[in-house]
Amino acid sequence: MRISTTIFLTDETITPVRLARELEERGFGGLYLPEHTHIPVERATPYPAGGELPPEYGRTLDPFVALGQAAAVTSRLGLGTGITLVAQHDPIDLAKQIATLDHLSGGRFTLGLGYGWNKEEAADHGVEWTKRRELVRDRMALMRALWAAEPTPYKGEFGSVRASYAYPKPVSGPRTLIGGAAGPKLFSHIAEYADGWLPIGGRGLTESVPVLREAWSAAGRDPESLQVVPYAVLPTPGKMAHYVELGVEEVVLQLPPAGEPEVLRVLDEYAQYL
């Protein structure tokens, strides 16, 4: 099983370059980074995990810039987002960023995407909250038109693009995983336009994975191609063994948003799972 990691990289933590080098040298499979452009001080949206919102949410580095640094100092380490808030991006610009990173890294990029939870952040980007899932679906289709081998036009509900020359092309597709809580709507979108699921925390998979597999098969997808990647996991031997039993091939472990000494100490602890 491939063991990857995620971390809130900020202006106060270990740097992308130091972390990426350490991960590759130690044999970890990948580095996934979250995204928040900003966190409005005046908030009505509660933190999904409960309590006060941790300060690192308002200090996150731009994931594409940070992953570009990581790509430059590694040759095997997988690079991903966990997650990209697609609704908050111009899709033409985002398509270029993704294609460029995947091209320069030799096809190592995974697009982890999600719909967001912070209504105030999304509103500042002009996102109509109740339509964000449909907006993401539309923007993914537009980006795939730009990534197509031949100039391909796209006209959707929320945006359009003319048939265009748009290079570089992604090397790997890229692999696309959707994050979010289990449910019929999420699973239908995964089956329609993604390669798999990023279940945060990895709980309840015994019940939810068979339901996702049914939606996947009903959409005519190859049953063997579905990828389930438990995300932001705090590991235990029993939990990791359970993932193996479920056929999971990659797990993303949570690192603390800390300085270099603390992060390296946790990597030493996680070495038992490699």
Protein backbone atom coordinates (compact mmCIF):
# COMPACT_ATOMS: atom_id res chain seq x y z
CA MET A 1 0.00 0.00 0.00
CA ARG A 2 1.29 3.43 -0.97
CA ILE A 3 1.72 5.77 2.02
CA SER A 4 1.32 9.46 1.20
CA THR A 5 1.03 12.50 3.44
CA THR A 6 -0.84 15.77 3.76
CA ILE A 7 -0.06 18.91 5.73
CA PHE A 8 -1.21 22.48 6.11
CA LEU A 9 1.95 24.14 4.84
CA THR A 10 2.07 27.74 6.01
CA ASP A 11 4.50 30.62 6.43
CA GLU A 12 5.32 29.14 9.88
CA THR A 13 5.88 25.45 9.05
CA ILE A 14 8.53 23.31 7.43
CA THR A 15 9.12 24.45 3.85
CA PRO A 16 7.84 22.59 0.77
CA VAL A 17 11.41 21.93 -0.41
CA ARG A 18 12.61 20.41 2.88
CA LEU A 19 9.48 18.31 3.31
CA ALA A 20 9.43 17.01 -0.27
CA ARG A 21 13.08 15.95 -0.09
CA GLU A 22 12.54 14.17 3.23
CA LEU A 23 9.44 12.37 1.97
CA GLU A 24 11.14 11.07 -1.16
CA GLU A 25 14.32 10.03 0.67
CA ARG A 26 12.29 8.15 3.28
CA GLY A 27 10.14 6.32 0.70
CA PHE A 28 6.77 8.02 1.14
CA GLY A 29 4.51 7.96 -1.90
CA GLY A 30 3.18 11.47 -2.14
CA LEU A 31 2.45 14.93 -0.78
CA TYR A 32 -1.06 16.41 -0.91
CA LEU A 33 -1.75 20.04 0.01
CA PRO A 34 -5.01 21.79 0.97
CA GLU A 35 -6.25 25.13 -0.28
CA HIS A 36 -7.83 28.20 1.28
CA THR A 37 -7.34 31.53 -0.44
CA HIS A 38 -8.42 33.43 2.68
CA ILE A 39 -10.59 33.02 5.76
CA PRO A 40 -12.95 35.95 6.39
CA VAL A 41 -12.73 37.09 10.02
CA GLU A 42 -16.47 37.54 10.27
CA ARG A 43 -17.78 34.01 9.85
CA ALA A 44 -21.15 32.35 10.20
CA THR A 45 -19.99 28.95 8.93
CA PRO A 46 -19.00 26.61 11.79
CA TYR A 47 -15.78 24.64 11.59
CA PRO A 48 -16.83 21.13 10.45
CA ALA A 49 -14.67 19.41 13.08
CA GLY A 50 -16.17 21.54 15.85
CA GLY A 51 -14.67 24.21 18.08
CA GLU A 52 -12.51 27.09 16.94
CA LEU A 53 -11.06 27.09 13.44
CA PRO A 54 -7.31 26.29 13.70
CA PRO A 55 -5.09 29.24 12.72
CA GLU A 56 -3.33 27.35 9.92
CA TYR A 57 -6.49 27.60 7.78
CA GLY A 58 -5.84 31.31 7.30
CA ARG A 59 -2.11 30.86 6.63
CA THR A 60 -1.98 28.12 3.97
CA LEU A 61 0.47 28.44 1.13
CA ASP A 62 -0.88 28.37 -2.41
CA PRO A 63 -0.82 24.63 -3.17
CA PHE A 64 0.24 24.93 -6.80
CA VAL A 65 3.20 27.20 -6.04
CA ALA A 66 4.27 24.96 -3.14
CA LEU A 67 3.88 21.77 -5.21
CA GLY A 68 5.90 23.37 -8.00
CA GLN A 69 8.77 23.74 -5.52
CA ALA A 70 8.29 20.14 -4.39
CA ALA A 71 8.32 18.91 -7.99
CA ALA A 72 11.58 20.71 -8.70
CA VAL A 73 13.52 18.90 -5.96
CA THR A 74 12.08 15.38 -6.39
CA SER A 75 11.74 12.83 -9.19
CA ARG A 76 9.37 10.14 -7.84
CA LEU A 77 7.19 11.77 -5.18
CA GLY A 78 3.51 12.01 -6.08
CA LEU A 79 2.06 15.52 -5.92
CA GLY A 80 -1.57 16.31 -5.20
CA THR A 81 -4.14 18.71 -3.88
CA GLY A 82 -6.41 17.82 -1.03
CA ILE A 83 -8.41 19.63 -1.97
CA THR A 84 -8.61 22.20 -4.77
CA LEU A 85 -11.69 24.42 -4.39
CA VAL A 86 -12.51 24.35 -8.09
CA ALA A 87 -15.57 26.61 -7.73
CA GLN A 88 -13.28 29.43 -6.52
CA HIS A 89 -11.06 29.38 -9.63
CA ASP A 90 -11.29 30.66 -13.18
CA PRO A 91 -11.36 27.29 -14.98
CA ILE A 92 -9.21 28.42 -17.92
CA ASP A 93 -6.47 29.61 -15.57
CA LEU A 94 -6.79 26.51 -13.39
CA ALA A 95 -6.57 24.20 -16.40
CA LYS A 96 -3.27 25.85 -17.33
CA GLN A 97 -1.88 25.56 -13.78
CA ILE A 98 -2.77 21.88 -13.54
CA ALA A 99 -1.44 21.01 -17.00
CA THR A 100 1.80 22.89 -16.35
CA LEU A 101 2.44 21.21 -12.99
CA ASP A 102 1.64 17.77 -14.37
CA HIS A 103 3.86 18.38 -17.41
CA LEU A 104 6.83 19.69 -15.43
CA SER A 105 6.58 16.89 -12.86
CA GLY A 106 6.41 14.15 -15.48
CA GLY A 107 2.80 13.17 -14.78
CA ARG A 108 2.99 13.03 -10.98
CA PHE A 109 0.00 15.25 -10.21
CA THR A 110 -3.32 14.15 -8.68
CA LEU A 111 -6.19 16.62 -8.65
CA GLY A 112 -8.04 16.19 -5.39
CA LEU A 113 -11.09 18.43 -5.63
CA GLY A 114 -13.97 19.35 -3.40
CA TYR A 115 -16.92 21.66 -3.01
CA GLY A 116 -15.85 23.54 0.12
CA TRP A 117 -17.44 24.18 3.51
CA ASN A 118 -16.75 27.87 4.19
CA LYS A 119 -19.65 29.89 2.78
CA GLU A 120 -17.99 33.26 3.43
CA GLU A 121 -14.81 32.32 1.56
CA ALA A 122 -16.82 31.04 -1.41
CA ALA A 123 -19.06 34.13 -1.44
CA ASP A 124 -16.04 36.40 -1.82
CA HIS A 125 -15.26 34.44 -4.99
CA GLY A 126 -18.78 35.02 -6.30
CA VAL A 127 -19.89 31.43 -5.74
CA GLU A 128 -23.62 30.81 -5.30
CA TRP A 129 -23.49 28.26 -2.50
CA THR A 130 -26.43 26.06 -3.49
CA LYS A 131 -25.07 25.65 -7.02
CA ARG A 132 -21.43 24.98 -6.19
CA ARG A 133 -21.54 21.24 -6.99
CA GLU A 134 -23.02 21.88 -10.43
CA LEU A 135 -20.51 24.69 -10.94
CA VAL A 136 -17.59 22.36 -10.18
CA ARG A 137 -18.98 19.72 -12.55
CA ASP A 138 -19.27 22.33 -15.29
CA ARG A 139 -15.77 23.69 -14.73
CA MET A 140 -14.25 20.22 -14.79
CA ALA A 141 -15.87 19.61 -18.20
CA LEU A 142 -14.52 22.93 -19.47
CA MET A 143 -11.00 22.11 -18.28
CA ARG A 144 -11.12 18.70 -19.94
CA ALA A 145 -12.04 20.40 -23.21
CA LEU A 146 -8.82 22.44 -22.92
CA TRP A 147 -6.84 19.31 -22.10
CA ALA A 148 -8.20 17.41 -25.12
CA ALA A 149 -5.74 16.34 -27.81
CA GLU A 150 -7.47 18.47 -30.46
CA PRO A 151 -8.99 21.96 -30.09
CA THR A 152 -12.38 21.31 -28.49
CA PRO A 153 -15.10 23.85 -27.71
CA TYR A 154 -17.23 23.66 -24.59
CA LYS A 155 -20.42 25.45 -23.68
CA GLY A 156 -21.94 24.78 -20.28
CA GLU A 157 -24.39 26.25 -17.83
CA PHE A 158 -21.76 28.37 -16.07
CA GLY A 159 -19.03 28.92 -18.64
CA SER A 160 -17.71 28.27 -22.10
CA VAL A 161 -14.51 28.20 -24.08
CA ARG A 162 -13.86 28.31 -27.81
CA ALA A 163 -11.92 25.56 -29.54
CA SER A 164 -8.40 26.58 -28.55
CA TYR A 165 -4.73 25.73 -28.71
CA ALA A 166 -3.87 25.03 -25.08
CA TYR A 167 -0.51 23.54 -24.20
CA PRO A 168 1.07 21.86 -22.35
CA LYS A 169 -1.29 18.94 -21.98
CA PRO A 170 -1.42 16.97 -18.73
CA VAL A 171 0.72 13.85 -18.90
CA SER A 172 -1.43 11.79 -16.55
CA GLY A 173 -4.97 12.88 -17.24
CA PRO A 174 -4.65 14.02 -14.43
CA ARG A 175 -5.93 11.48 -11.91
CA THR A 176 -8.98 13.09 -10.27
CA LEU A 177 -10.31 12.26 -6.81
CA ILE A 178 -13.31 13.95 -5.19
CA GLY A 179 -13.44 14.64 -1.46
CA GLY A 180 -16.60 14.84 0.60
CA ALA A 181 -18.98 12.97 2.86
CA ALA A 182 -20.61 9.79 1.59
CA GLY A 183 -23.94 10.26 -0.12
CA PRO A 184 -25.85 9.56 -3.35
CA LYS A 185 -25.09 12.93 -4.95
CA LEU A 186 -21.36 12.75 -4.20
CA PHE A 187 -21.14 9.17 -5.43
CA SER A 188 -22.97 10.00 -8.65
CA HIS A 189 -20.49 12.79 -9.39
CA ILE A 190 -17.52 10.54 -8.60
CA ALA A 191 -18.88 7.91 -10.98
CA GLU A 192 -19.54 10.52 -13.66
CA TYR A 193 -16.28 12.47 -13.87
CA ALA A 194 -13.63 11.27 -11.41
CA ASP A 195 -11.29 8.36 -10.80
CA GLY A 196 -12.20 7.86 -7.18
CA TRP A 197 -12.98 9.17 -3.70
CA LEU A 198 -10.95 11.00 -1.03
CA PRO A 199 -12.89 10.18 2.17
CA ILE A 200 -11.55 12.49 4.88
CA GLY A 201 -10.56 10.57 8.00
CA GLY A 202 -11.35 7.23 6.37
CA ARG A 203 -14.21 6.31 8.71
CA GLY A 204 -17.23 4.21 7.76
CA LEU A 205 -15.68 2.76 4.63
CA THR A 206 -17.00 -0.75 5.31
CA GLU A 207 -20.54 0.54 4.74
CA SER A 208 -19.95 3.28 2.18
CA VAL A 209 -17.49 1.68 -0.27
CA PRO A 210 -20.00 -0.99 -1.46
CA VAL A 211 -22.56 1.78 -2.09
CA LEU A 212 -20.00 3.73 -4.11
CA ARG A 213 -19.13 0.59 -6.07
CA GLU A 214 -22.79 0.16 -6.99
CA ALA A 215 -23.01 3.74 -8.28
CA TRP A 216 -19.72 3.24 -10.13
CA SER A 217 -20.90 0.06 -11.86
CA ALA A 218 -24.30 1.58 -12.67
CA ALA A 219 -22.49 4.37 -14.53
CA GLY A 220 -20.74 1.77 -16.68
CA ARG A 221 -17.32 2.25 -15.10
CA ASP A 222 -14.79 -0.58 -14.84
CA PRO A 223 -15.19 -2.01 -11.31
CA GLU A 224 -11.43 -2.56 -11.04
CA SER A 225 -10.59 1.05 -11.80
CA LEU A 226 -12.28 2.68 -8.79
CA GLN A 227 -9.79 4.25 -6.37
CA VAL A 228 -10.61 4.94 -2.72
CA VAL A 229 -7.89 6.94 -0.97
CA PRO A 230 -8.51 7.58 2.75
CA TYR A 231 -7.33 11.11 3.44
CA ALA A 232 -5.94 13.03 6.45
CA VAL A 233 -5.71 9.77 8.40
CA LEU A 234 -4.15 9.48 11.86
CA PRO A 235 -2.87 5.92 11.54
CA THR A 236 -2.93 2.92 13.82
CA PRO A 237 -1.81 -0.61 12.88
CA GLY A 238 -5.39 -1.85 13.09
CA LYS A 239 -6.75 0.94 10.92
CA MET A 240 -4.10 0.38 8.27
CA ALA A 241 -4.74 -3.37 8.25
CA HIS A 242 -8.45 -2.67 7.74
CA TYR A 243 -7.68 -0.54 4.69
CA VAL A 244 -5.67 -3.40 3.22
CA GLU A 245 -8.67 -5.71 3.71
CA LEU A 246 -10.84 -3.20 1.81
CA GLY A 247 -8.44 -3.23 -1.14
CA VAL A 248 -7.18 0.30 -0.55
CA GLU A 249 -3.95 0.94 -2.44
CA GLU A 250 -3.07 4.40 -1.09
CA VAL A 251 -3.56 6.13 2.26
CA VAL A 252 -2.80 9.80 2.96
CA LEU A 253 -1.53 10.37 6.51
CA GLN A 254 -1.94 13.69 8.33
CA LEU A 255 1.17 15.60 9.35
CA PRO A 256 1.06 18.40 11.95
CA PRO A 257 1.23 22.04 10.73
CA ALA A 258 4.53 22.49 12.51
CA GLY A 259 8.18 23.34 12.11
CA GLU A 260 10.78 20.98 10.72
CA PRO A 261 11.77 19.16 13.97
CA GLU A 262 8.17 18.19 14.83
CA VAL A 263 7.28 17.14 11.28
CA LEU A 264 10.37 14.97 10.98
CA ARG A 265 9.61 13.36 14.34
CA VAL A 266 6.15 12.36 13.08
CA LEU A 267 7.65 11.04 9.84
CA ASP A 268 9.89 8.84 11.98
CA GLU A 269 6.77 7.48 13.71
CA TYR A 270 5.03 6.85 10.39
CA ALA A 271 8.03 4.92 9.03
CA GLN A 272 6.57 1.72 10.54
CA TYR A 273 3.83 1.80 7.89
CA LEU A 274 6.14 2.03 4.87
